[in-house]
Amino acid sequence: MAIYGLRVVSFIFAALAFVPAGAHVFAMFNKLKLDGTSYLAAQRAYDGWSLFGIVVLGALLSTAALAVLLYRLGGAFGLAALAFIAIGATQLAFWTFTFPVNRATRNWTMLPDNWEMLRRQWEYSHAAAACLNALALLLLFLSALRRAG
């Protein structure tokens, strides 16, 4: 029963983590066309989204716990462990590519000279995170289909 509950919790957290990442992807192509002033205005829509970090932490902890419980149960463990790694990789992308841009632009309240390059880095890092979140969801789903435990 603990494994079933952790599967549900992990899937919910992973799905919730995908929401902001997916939203970034769907908005990205239109936002890349904006001039600097319009882009700064559009970025205000993301104020407060840092609270989604709680969801990411929940996704990391629940998938790690699921992988631990599934250890020695075959392929379901490997899939859950890969889901954990995919979610962890979203954080690697954030801290390596997104966060430095947030600092350089003061969370998109000002435009430095190289703002267009920073915008691309910011947008593509979110797209990469969305792909990793989608992968984690798929891996959790496939792990559940294995029914190992």
N, C-alpha and C. Protein backbone atom coordinates (compact mmCIF):
# COMPACT_ATOMS: atom_id res chain seq x y z
N MET A 1 0.81 -1.20 0.00
CA MET A 1 0.00 0.00 0.00
C MET A 1 0.86 1.27 0.00
N ALA A 2 2.00 1.22 0.69
CA ALA A 2 2.89 2.39 0.73
C ALA A 2 3.41 2.71 -0.66
N ILE A 3 3.71 1.68 -1.44
CA ILE A 3 4.22 1.91 -2.80
C ILE A 3 3.14 2.55 -3.65
N TYR A 4 1.91 2.07 -3.55
CA TYR A 4 0.82 2.64 -4.32
C TYR A 4 0.64 4.13 -3.97
N GLY A 5 0.63 4.43 -2.69
CA GLY A 5 0.48 5.82 -2.25
C GLY A 5 1.60 6.71 -2.74
N LEU A 6 2.83 6.21 -2.67
CA LEU A 6 3.97 6.99 -3.15
C LEU A 6 3.93 7.17 -4.66
N ARG A 7 3.41 6.17 -5.36
CA ARG A 7 3.26 6.33 -6.81
C ARG A 7 2.30 7.48 -7.12
N VAL A 8 1.20 7.51 -6.42
CA VAL A 8 0.20 8.56 -6.63
C VAL A 8 0.79 9.93 -6.28
N VAL A 9 1.41 10.03 -5.13
CA VAL A 9 2.00 11.30 -4.69
C VAL A 9 3.09 11.76 -5.65
N SER A 10 3.95 10.83 -6.06
CA SER A 10 5.02 11.17 -7.00
C SER A 10 4.45 11.67 -8.33
N PHE A 11 3.44 10.98 -8.81
CA PHE A 11 2.85 11.38 -10.08
C PHE A 11 2.19 12.76 -9.97
N ILE A 12 1.50 13.01 -8.86
CA ILE A 12 0.86 14.32 -8.66
C ILE A 12 1.92 15.43 -8.60
N PHE A 13 2.97 15.22 -7.82
CA PHE A 13 4.01 16.25 -7.73
C PHE A 13 4.71 16.46 -9.06
N ALA A 14 5.00 15.37 -9.76
CA ALA A 14 5.67 15.50 -11.06
C ALA A 14 4.76 16.23 -12.06
N ALA A 15 3.47 15.94 -12.01
CA ALA A 15 2.52 16.62 -12.91
C ALA A 15 2.43 18.11 -12.56
N LEU A 16 2.38 18.41 -11.27
CA LEU A 16 2.33 19.82 -10.86
C LEU A 16 3.61 20.56 -11.22
N ALA A 17 4.76 19.88 -11.16
CA ALA A 17 6.02 20.50 -11.55
C ALA A 17 6.05 20.78 -13.05
N PHE A 18 5.33 19.97 -13.81
CA PHE A 18 5.29 20.15 -15.26
C PHE A 18 4.45 21.36 -15.66
N VAL A 19 3.50 21.75 -14.83
CA VAL A 19 2.59 22.86 -15.17
C VAL A 19 3.34 24.15 -15.51
N PRO A 20 4.19 24.69 -14.62
CA PRO A 20 4.86 25.94 -14.99
C PRO A 20 5.85 25.75 -16.13
N ALA A 21 6.52 24.60 -16.17
CA ALA A 21 7.47 24.36 -17.26
C ALA A 21 6.75 24.30 -18.60
N GLY A 22 5.63 23.62 -18.63
CA GLY A 22 4.84 23.55 -19.86
C GLY A 22 4.30 24.91 -20.27
N ALA A 23 3.90 25.69 -19.28
CA ALA A 23 3.40 27.04 -19.59
C ALA A 23 4.48 27.89 -20.23
N HIS A 24 5.70 27.75 -19.75
CA HIS A 24 6.82 28.49 -20.35
C HIS A 24 7.01 28.09 -21.81
N VAL A 25 6.93 26.80 -22.08
CA VAL A 25 7.14 26.33 -23.46
C VAL A 25 6.06 26.87 -24.38
N PHE A 26 4.82 26.82 -23.95
CA PHE A 26 3.73 27.27 -24.81
C PHE A 26 3.77 28.78 -25.06
N ALA A 27 4.35 29.53 -24.12
CA ALA A 27 4.45 30.98 -24.30
C ALA A 27 5.75 31.39 -25.00
N MET A 28 6.74 30.51 -25.00
CA MET A 28 8.08 30.85 -25.45
C MET A 28 8.13 31.41 -26.87
N PHE A 29 7.50 30.77 -27.81
CA PHE A 29 7.63 31.17 -29.21
C PHE A 29 7.08 32.58 -29.45
N ASN A 30 6.00 32.92 -28.77
CA ASN A 30 5.47 34.28 -28.90
C ASN A 30 6.35 35.28 -28.15
N LYS A 31 6.86 34.90 -26.99
CA LYS A 31 7.67 35.82 -26.21
C LYS A 31 9.01 36.12 -26.87
N LEU A 32 9.55 35.17 -27.64
CA LEU A 32 10.82 35.41 -28.32
C LEU A 32 10.70 36.48 -29.41
N LYS A 33 9.49 36.80 -29.83
CA LYS A 33 9.26 37.82 -30.85
C LYS A 33 9.14 39.23 -30.26
N LEU A 34 9.01 39.33 -28.94
CA LEU A 34 8.74 40.62 -28.31
C LEU A 34 9.99 41.50 -28.24
N ASP A 35 9.76 42.82 -28.30
CA ASP A 35 10.86 43.76 -28.07
C ASP A 35 11.14 43.79 -26.56
N GLY A 36 12.20 44.46 -26.17
CA GLY A 36 12.64 44.46 -24.79
C GLY A 36 11.60 44.93 -23.79
N THR A 37 10.95 46.05 -24.08
CA THR A 37 9.95 46.59 -23.15
C THR A 37 8.77 45.63 -23.00
N SER A 38 8.31 45.09 -24.10
CA SER A 38 7.19 44.15 -24.04
C SER A 38 7.59 42.86 -23.33
N TYR A 39 8.83 42.43 -23.55
CA TYR A 39 9.29 41.21 -22.89
C TYR A 39 9.34 41.40 -21.37
N LEU A 40 9.85 42.54 -20.92
CA LEU A 40 9.87 42.82 -19.48
C LEU A 40 8.45 42.80 -18.91
N ALA A 41 7.51 43.37 -19.63
CA ALA A 41 6.12 43.39 -19.17
C ALA A 41 5.57 41.96 -19.11
N ALA A 42 5.87 41.15 -20.12
CA ALA A 42 5.38 39.77 -20.14
C ALA A 42 5.97 38.96 -19.00
N GLN A 43 7.19 39.23 -18.63
CA GLN A 43 7.85 38.48 -17.57
C GLN A 43 7.19 38.70 -16.20
N ARG A 44 6.46 39.79 -16.04
CA ARG A 44 5.78 40.03 -14.77
C ARG A 44 4.73 38.96 -14.49
N ALA A 45 4.29 38.26 -15.51
CA ALA A 45 3.31 37.18 -15.30
C ALA A 45 3.89 36.06 -14.43
N TYR A 46 5.23 35.99 -14.34
CA TYR A 46 5.86 34.91 -13.58
C TYR A 46 6.21 35.30 -12.16
N ASP A 47 5.88 36.51 -11.75
CA ASP A 47 6.14 36.92 -10.37
C ASP A 47 5.43 35.95 -9.42
N GLY A 48 6.15 35.46 -8.44
CA GLY A 48 5.58 34.54 -7.46
C GLY A 48 5.67 33.08 -7.84
N TRP A 49 6.11 32.78 -9.06
CA TRP A 49 6.19 31.39 -9.49
C TRP A 49 7.30 30.64 -8.77
N SER A 50 8.16 31.33 -8.07
CA SER A 50 9.22 30.64 -7.33
C SER A 50 8.63 29.71 -6.27
N LEU A 51 7.39 29.95 -5.89
CA LEU A 51 6.73 29.07 -4.92
C LEU A 51 6.56 27.65 -5.46
N PHE A 52 6.65 27.49 -6.79
CA PHE A 52 6.58 26.15 -7.36
C PHE A 52 7.80 25.32 -6.95
N GLY A 53 8.81 25.96 -6.39
CA GLY A 53 9.95 25.21 -5.86
C GLY A 53 9.53 24.20 -4.82
N ILE A 54 8.48 24.50 -4.08
CA ILE A 54 7.95 23.56 -3.08
C ILE A 54 7.46 22.30 -3.79
N VAL A 55 6.81 22.47 -4.93
CA VAL A 55 6.31 21.34 -5.70
C VAL A 55 7.48 20.50 -6.23
N VAL A 56 8.51 21.17 -6.72
CA VAL A 56 9.69 20.46 -7.23
C VAL A 56 10.34 19.66 -6.10
N LEU A 57 10.44 20.26 -4.94
CA LEU A 57 11.00 19.54 -3.79
C LEU A 57 10.15 18.32 -3.47
N GLY A 58 8.84 18.48 -3.49
CA GLY A 58 7.94 17.34 -3.28
C GLY A 58 8.13 16.26 -4.32
N ALA A 59 8.32 16.66 -5.57
CA ALA A 59 8.56 15.68 -6.64
C ALA A 59 9.88 14.94 -6.42
N LEU A 60 10.90 15.68 -6.05
CA LEU A 60 12.20 15.04 -5.80
C LEU A 60 12.12 14.06 -4.63
N LEU A 61 11.55 14.51 -3.52
CA LEU A 61 11.49 13.65 -2.33
C LEU A 61 10.61 12.43 -2.55
N SER A 62 9.46 12.62 -3.18
CA SER A 62 8.55 11.49 -3.36
C SER A 62 9.08 10.48 -4.37
N THR A 63 9.72 10.95 -5.45
CA THR A 63 10.28 9.98 -6.40
C THR A 63 11.50 9.27 -5.81
N ALA A 64 12.28 9.97 -5.00
CA ALA A 64 13.40 9.31 -4.33
C ALA A 64 12.88 8.23 -3.38
N ALA A 65 11.86 8.56 -2.60
CA ALA A 65 11.28 7.59 -1.67
C ALA A 65 10.68 6.40 -2.44
N LEU A 66 10.03 6.67 -3.55
CA LEU A 66 9.46 5.60 -4.36
C LEU A 66 10.57 4.69 -4.88
N ALA A 67 11.64 5.27 -5.38
CA ALA A 67 12.75 4.46 -5.89
C ALA A 67 13.34 3.59 -4.77
N VAL A 68 13.46 4.15 -3.58
CA VAL A 68 13.99 3.38 -2.44
C VAL A 68 13.07 2.20 -2.14
N LEU A 69 11.76 2.45 -2.12
CA LEU A 69 10.82 1.36 -1.83
C LEU A 69 10.80 0.29 -2.93
N LEU A 70 11.07 0.71 -4.16
CA LEU A 70 11.05 -0.23 -5.28
C LEU A 70 12.39 -0.93 -5.50
N TYR A 71 13.40 -0.52 -4.73
CA TYR A 71 14.72 -1.14 -4.88
C TYR A 71 14.59 -2.65 -4.75
N ARG A 72 15.25 -3.37 -5.58
CA ARG A 72 15.24 -4.84 -5.66
C ARG A 72 13.96 -5.40 -6.25
N LEU A 73 13.12 -4.56 -6.82
CA LEU A 73 11.89 -5.07 -7.43
C LEU A 73 11.92 -4.99 -8.94
N GLY A 74 13.09 -4.94 -9.51
CA GLY A 74 13.21 -5.03 -10.96
C GLY A 74 13.08 -3.70 -11.67
N GLY A 75 12.50 -3.78 -12.87
CA GLY A 75 12.43 -2.64 -13.77
C GLY A 75 11.68 -1.44 -13.22
N ALA A 76 10.71 -1.67 -12.36
CA ALA A 76 9.97 -0.55 -11.79
C ALA A 76 10.90 0.38 -11.01
N PHE A 77 11.88 -0.20 -10.32
CA PHE A 77 12.86 0.61 -9.60
C PHE A 77 13.65 1.48 -10.56
N GLY A 78 14.16 0.88 -11.63
CA GLY A 78 14.97 1.62 -12.59
C GLY A 78 14.21 2.78 -13.19
N LEU A 79 12.95 2.57 -13.50
CA LEU A 79 12.14 3.64 -14.08
C LEU A 79 11.89 4.76 -13.07
N ALA A 80 11.61 4.39 -11.82
CA ALA A 80 11.41 5.41 -10.78
C ALA A 80 12.71 6.16 -10.51
N ALA A 81 13.83 5.45 -10.51
CA ALA A 81 15.12 6.11 -10.30
C ALA A 81 15.43 7.07 -11.44
N LEU A 82 15.12 6.68 -12.67
CA LEU A 82 15.32 7.57 -13.81
C LEU A 82 14.39 8.79 -13.73
N ALA A 83 13.18 8.60 -13.23
CA ALA A 83 12.26 9.74 -13.04
C ALA A 83 12.85 10.72 -12.04
N PHE A 84 13.41 10.20 -10.95
CA PHE A 84 14.07 11.05 -9.96
C PHE A 84 15.23 11.81 -10.60
N ILE A 85 16.02 11.13 -11.41
CA ILE A 85 17.16 11.78 -12.07
C ILE A 85 16.67 12.86 -13.03
N ALA A 86 15.59 12.60 -13.75
CA ALA A 86 15.04 13.60 -14.68
C ALA A 86 14.58 14.84 -13.92
N ILE A 87 13.92 14.64 -12.80
CA ILE A 87 13.47 15.78 -12.00
C ILE A 87 14.67 16.53 -11.42
N GLY A 88 15.67 15.77 -10.98
CA GLY A 88 16.89 16.40 -10.50
C GLY A 88 17.59 17.20 -11.60
N ALA A 89 17.54 16.68 -12.82
CA ALA A 89 18.16 17.38 -13.95
C ALA A 89 17.46 18.71 -14.24
N THR A 90 16.17 18.81 -13.92
CA THR A 90 15.50 20.11 -14.10
C THR A 90 16.14 21.14 -13.18
N GLN A 91 16.54 20.70 -12.01
CA GLN A 91 17.19 21.61 -11.08
C GLN A 91 18.59 21.98 -11.54
N LEU A 92 19.28 21.03 -12.13
CA LEU A 92 20.59 21.32 -12.71
C LEU A 92 20.44 22.38 -13.80
N ALA A 93 19.45 22.23 -14.66
CA ALA A 93 19.20 23.22 -15.72
C ALA A 93 18.86 24.58 -15.11
N PHE A 94 18.01 24.57 -14.08
CA PHE A 94 17.62 25.84 -13.46
C PHE A 94 18.83 26.57 -12.87
N TRP A 95 19.59 25.88 -12.04
CA TRP A 95 20.69 26.54 -11.33
C TRP A 95 21.86 26.86 -12.24
N THR A 96 21.99 26.13 -13.34
CA THR A 96 23.09 26.37 -14.27
C THR A 96 22.77 27.44 -15.30
N PHE A 97 21.53 27.45 -15.79
CA PHE A 97 21.18 28.33 -16.91
C PHE A 97 20.13 29.40 -16.57
N THR A 98 19.10 29.03 -15.83
CA THR A 98 18.01 29.97 -15.57
C THR A 98 18.37 30.97 -14.47
N PHE A 99 18.81 30.46 -13.33
CA PHE A 99 19.07 31.33 -12.19
C PHE A 99 20.11 32.41 -12.48
N PRO A 100 21.21 32.10 -13.18
CA PRO A 100 22.16 33.18 -13.50
C PRO A 100 21.53 34.29 -14.35
N VAL A 101 20.60 33.94 -15.22
CA VAL A 101 19.90 34.96 -16.01
C VAL A 101 19.00 35.79 -15.11
N ASN A 102 18.31 35.13 -14.20
CA ASN A 102 17.46 35.86 -13.26
C ASN A 102 18.29 36.89 -12.48
N ARG A 103 19.47 36.51 -12.08
CA ARG A 103 20.34 37.44 -11.35
C ARG A 103 20.82 38.56 -12.25
N ALA A 104 21.23 38.23 -13.48
CA ALA A 104 21.77 39.24 -14.40
C ALA A 104 20.72 40.26 -14.80
N THR A 105 19.46 39.87 -14.77
CA THR A 105 18.38 40.77 -15.19
C THR A 105 17.55 41.27 -14.00
N ARG A 106 18.02 40.94 -12.80
CA ARG A 106 17.26 41.26 -11.58
C ARG A 106 15.83 40.78 -11.71
N ASN A 107 15.71 39.50 -12.04
CA ASN A 107 14.40 38.86 -12.26
C ASN A 107 13.58 39.59 -13.31
N TRP A 108 14.25 39.93 -14.38
CA TRP A 108 13.63 40.57 -15.54
C TRP A 108 12.96 41.89 -15.18
N THR A 109 13.65 42.68 -14.34
CA THR A 109 13.20 44.04 -14.07
C THR A 109 14.05 45.06 -14.80
N MET A 110 15.14 44.61 -15.43
CA MET A 110 16.00 45.48 -16.24
C MET A 110 16.63 44.65 -17.35
N LEU A 111 17.03 45.33 -18.42
CA LEU A 111 17.62 44.67 -19.57
C LEU A 111 19.09 45.05 -19.72
N PRO A 112 19.99 44.10 -19.48
CA PRO A 112 21.40 44.39 -19.74
C PRO A 112 21.65 44.41 -21.25
N ASP A 113 22.84 44.80 -21.64
CA ASP A 113 23.15 44.90 -23.07
C ASP A 113 22.95 43.58 -23.81
N ASN A 114 23.25 42.47 -23.19
CA ASN A 114 23.13 41.16 -23.84
C ASN A 114 21.80 40.47 -23.52
N TRP A 115 20.74 41.24 -23.34
CA TRP A 115 19.47 40.70 -22.89
C TRP A 115 18.88 39.68 -23.86
N GLU A 116 19.10 39.84 -25.16
CA GLU A 116 18.51 38.89 -26.10
C GLU A 116 19.14 37.50 -25.96
N MET A 117 20.44 37.46 -25.76
CA MET A 117 21.11 36.18 -25.51
C MET A 117 20.63 35.58 -24.19
N LEU A 118 20.48 36.42 -23.18
CA LEU A 118 19.99 35.96 -21.88
C LEU A 118 18.55 35.46 -21.99
N ARG A 119 17.74 36.14 -22.79
CA ARG A 119 16.36 35.72 -22.99
C ARG A 119 16.33 34.32 -23.60
N ARG A 120 17.14 34.09 -24.63
CA ARG A 120 17.17 32.76 -25.26
C ARG A 120 17.60 31.70 -24.26
N GLN A 121 18.64 32.01 -23.48
CA GLN A 121 19.11 31.05 -22.47
C GLN A 121 18.00 30.76 -21.47
N TRP A 122 17.30 31.78 -21.02
CA TRP A 122 16.23 31.61 -20.04
C TRP A 122 15.10 30.78 -20.62
N GLU A 123 14.67 31.14 -21.81
CA GLU A 123 13.54 30.43 -22.43
C GLU A 123 13.89 28.98 -22.75
N TYR A 124 15.06 28.74 -23.33
CA TYR A 124 15.44 27.38 -23.69
C TYR A 124 15.72 26.52 -22.47
N SER A 125 16.20 27.12 -21.39
CA SER A 125 16.41 26.33 -20.18
C SER A 125 15.07 25.87 -19.61
N HIS A 126 14.05 26.71 -19.72
CA HIS A 126 12.72 26.29 -19.29
C HIS A 126 12.15 25.22 -20.21
N ALA A 127 12.43 25.32 -21.50
CA ALA A 127 11.97 24.29 -22.43
C ALA A 127 12.64 22.95 -22.11
N ALA A 128 13.92 22.99 -21.81
CA ALA A 128 14.63 21.77 -21.43
C ALA A 128 14.03 21.17 -20.16
N ALA A 129 13.72 22.02 -19.20
CA ALA A 129 13.10 21.53 -17.95
C ALA A 129 11.74 20.91 -18.23
N ALA A 130 10.98 21.50 -19.14
CA ALA A 130 9.67 20.94 -19.49
C ALA A 130 9.83 19.55 -20.09
N CYS A 131 10.81 19.38 -20.95
CA CYS A 131 11.06 18.05 -21.54
C CYS A 131 11.45 17.05 -20.47
N LEU A 132 12.29 17.47 -19.54
CA LEU A 132 12.70 16.58 -18.45
C LEU A 132 11.53 16.24 -17.53
N ASN A 133 10.67 17.22 -17.26
CA ASN A 133 9.48 16.95 -16.45
C ASN A 133 8.54 15.98 -17.16
N ALA A 134 8.37 16.16 -18.46
CA ALA A 134 7.52 15.25 -19.23
C ALA A 134 8.11 13.83 -19.20
N LEU A 135 9.42 13.74 -19.33
CA LEU A 135 10.09 12.44 -19.26
C LEU A 135 9.86 11.80 -17.90
N ALA A 136 9.97 12.57 -16.83
CA ALA A 136 9.75 12.03 -15.49
C ALA A 136 8.32 11.49 -15.35
N LEU A 137 7.36 12.23 -15.87
CA LEU A 137 5.97 11.75 -15.82
C LEU A 137 5.82 10.43 -16.57
N LEU A 138 6.39 10.36 -17.75
CA LEU A 138 6.32 9.13 -18.54
C LEU A 138 6.97 7.97 -17.80
N LEU A 139 8.14 8.21 -17.23
CA LEU A 139 8.84 7.16 -16.50
C LEU A 139 8.05 6.69 -15.27
N LEU A 140 7.43 7.61 -14.56
CA LEU A 140 6.60 7.22 -13.42
C LEU A 140 5.40 6.40 -13.87
N PHE A 141 4.81 6.79 -14.98
CA PHE A 141 3.68 6.04 -15.52
C PHE A 141 4.11 4.62 -15.90
N LEU A 142 5.23 4.51 -16.61
CA LEU A 142 5.72 3.19 -17.01
C LEU A 142 6.11 2.35 -15.81
N SER A 143 6.66 2.99 -14.79
CA SER A 143 7.00 2.28 -13.55
C SER A 143 5.74 1.70 -12.91
N ALA A 144 4.67 2.48 -12.90
CA ALA A 144 3.41 2.00 -12.32
C ALA A 144 2.84 0.83 -13.12
N LEU A 145 3.04 0.86 -14.43
CA LEU A 145 2.55 -0.23 -15.27
C LEU A 145 3.30 -1.54 -14.99
N ARG A 146 4.50 -1.45 -14.52
CA ARG A 146 5.28 -2.63 -14.19
C ARG A 146 4.67 -3.40 -13.02
N ARG A 147 3.95 -2.69 -12.18
CA ARG A 147 3.25 -3.28 -11.03
C ARG A 147 4.16 -4.13 -10.15
N ALA A 148 5.40 -3.70 -10.02
CA ALA A 148 6.33 -4.42 -9.13
C ALA A 148 6.17 -3.88 -7.73
N GLY A 149 5.28 -4.42 -7.00
CA GLY A 149 5.07 -3.99 -5.62
C GLY A 149 3.76 -3.47 -5.47
